[in-house]
Amino acid sequence: MAKYVFVYHGGNVQPSSPEEGMAIMQAWIQWFASMGDAVIDGGNPVGLSSTVNSDGSLSAGGGSNPASGYSLIEATSLADAHQKAKGSPHLKAGGTIEIAEAMEMSKS
């Protein structure tokens, strides 16, 4: 099975109350549970990113579409990864998910 990285962008990541925070957390727990062993690494939210440019300089600010988190899952195909991503609570919070296959590197 292939590995896919889900990169989360945008979305409402700050709950307005402790109860809302618990409900959001429960939705993520249920979504990950629904994928079972396909979840390799549930990931984490991430802070504001910076970019290392091709000349080695550092630009703060995360660009035009900064990441807000990531997960690593297994799926049989991009279509399968897409089906898994469609159940994410992140989408219900107004965010988007970028999907990319994690390519195996040869050890030579």
Protein backbone atom coordinates (compact mmCIF):
# COMPACT_ATOMS: atom_id res chain seq x y z
CA MET A 1 0.00 0.00 0.00
CA ALA A 2 1.19 3.52 -0.73
CA LYS A 3 1.67 6.23 1.87
CA TYR A 4 -0.06 9.58 1.47
CA VAL A 5 0.57 12.84 3.25
CA PHE A 6 -2.47 14.94 4.09
CA VAL A 7 -1.46 18.58 4.48
CA TYR A 8 -4.19 20.65 6.09
CA HIS A 9 -4.65 24.29 5.09
CA GLY A 10 -6.83 26.95 6.68
CA GLY A 11 -9.91 26.07 8.67
CA ASN A 12 -11.14 27.29 12.03
CA VAL A 13 -8.49 25.87 14.36
CA GLN A 14 -9.39 27.87 17.47
CA PRO A 15 -12.47 26.58 19.32
CA SER A 16 -14.66 29.24 20.94
CA SER A 17 -15.21 27.25 24.14
CA PRO A 18 -13.82 24.21 25.98
CA GLU A 19 -16.93 22.26 24.96
CA GLU A 20 -16.40 23.08 21.30
CA GLY A 21 -12.74 22.06 21.67
CA MET A 22 -13.77 18.69 23.09
CA ALA A 23 -16.31 18.18 20.28
CA ILE A 24 -13.66 18.97 17.65
CA MET A 25 -11.19 16.59 19.28
CA GLN A 26 -13.83 13.85 19.41
CA ALA A 27 -14.59 14.32 15.71
CA TRP A 28 -10.88 13.85 14.87
CA ILE A 29 -10.65 10.77 17.09
CA GLN A 30 -13.70 9.25 15.37
CA TRP A 31 -12.37 10.04 11.90
CA PHE A 32 -8.99 8.47 12.62
CA ALA A 33 -10.72 5.44 14.18
CA SER A 34 -12.85 5.04 11.02
CA MET A 35 -9.63 4.60 8.99
CA GLY A 36 -8.20 1.99 11.38
CA ASP A 37 -4.71 0.74 10.53
CA ALA A 38 -4.51 3.08 7.51
CA VAL A 39 -3.45 5.86 9.90
CA ILE A 40 0.34 5.68 10.11
CA ASP A 41 0.77 9.01 11.91
CA GLY A 42 -2.20 11.13 12.94
CA GLY A 43 0.13 14.10 12.78
CA ASN A 44 -0.19 17.42 14.55
CA PRO A 45 -1.25 20.98 13.99
CA VAL A 46 1.65 23.21 12.97
CA GLY A 47 2.54 26.80 13.73
CA LEU A 48 3.26 29.56 11.25
CA SER A 49 5.78 28.29 8.73
CA SER A 50 8.81 29.88 7.12
CA THR A 51 10.29 29.13 3.71
CA VAL A 52 13.92 28.34 2.93
CA ASN A 53 14.47 29.87 -0.50
CA SER A 54 16.67 28.38 -3.23
CA ASP A 55 19.45 30.84 -2.29
CA GLY A 56 19.31 29.59 1.32
CA SER A 57 17.63 32.72 2.72
CA LEU A 58 14.65 32.43 5.05
CA SER A 59 11.27 34.06 4.43
CA ALA A 60 8.77 34.19 7.29
CA GLY A 61 5.03 34.04 6.84
CA GLY A 62 4.28 30.70 5.28
CA GLY A 63 3.45 31.86 1.76
CA SER A 64 -0.01 32.26 0.28
CA ASN A 65 -1.48 29.00 1.61
CA PRO A 66 0.29 28.04 4.84
CA ALA A 67 -0.08 24.56 6.27
CA SER A 68 -2.05 24.19 9.51
CA GLY A 69 -1.24 20.50 10.12
CA TYR A 70 -0.50 17.10 8.59
CA SER A 71 -1.27 13.37 8.78
CA LEU A 72 0.30 10.31 7.13
CA ILE A 73 -1.99 7.51 5.98
CA GLU A 74 -1.88 4.38 3.84
CA ALA A 75 -4.18 4.00 0.87
CA THR A 76 -4.38 1.78 -2.18
CA SER A 77 -4.54 4.75 -4.58
CA LEU A 78 -5.07 8.50 -4.79
CA ALA A 79 -8.79 7.78 -5.17
CA ASP A 80 -8.74 5.78 -1.92
CA ALA A 81 -6.81 8.56 -0.14
CA HIS A 82 -9.36 11.06 -1.47
CA GLN A 83 -12.24 9.00 -0.08
CA LYS A 84 -10.51 8.86 3.32
CA ALA A 85 -9.82 12.63 3.30
CA LYS A 86 -13.46 13.45 2.55
CA GLY A 87 -14.42 12.38 6.09
CA SER A 88 -12.01 14.81 7.77
CA PRO A 89 -13.41 17.25 10.35
CA HIS A 90 -10.98 19.79 8.89
CA LEU A 91 -13.21 20.15 5.83
CA LYS A 92 -16.23 20.86 8.03
CA ALA A 93 -14.19 23.64 9.67
CA GLY A 94 -13.75 25.34 6.28
CA GLY A 95 -10.23 24.05 5.60
CA THR A 96 -8.77 22.22 2.65
CA ILE A 97 -6.55 19.14 2.42
CA GLU A 98 -3.67 18.72 0.03
CA ILE A 99 -2.90 15.05 -0.74
CA ALA A 100 0.52 13.89 -1.93
CA GLU A 101 1.93 10.40 -2.26
CA ALA A 102 5.05 9.88 -0.14
CA MET A 103 7.49 8.40 -2.63
CA GLU A 104 9.81 5.57 -1.58
CA MET A 105 13.49 6.40 -1.97
CA SER A 106 15.91 3.69 -3.04
CA LYS A 107 18.74 2.89 -0.63
CA SER A 108 21.68 2.75 -3.00
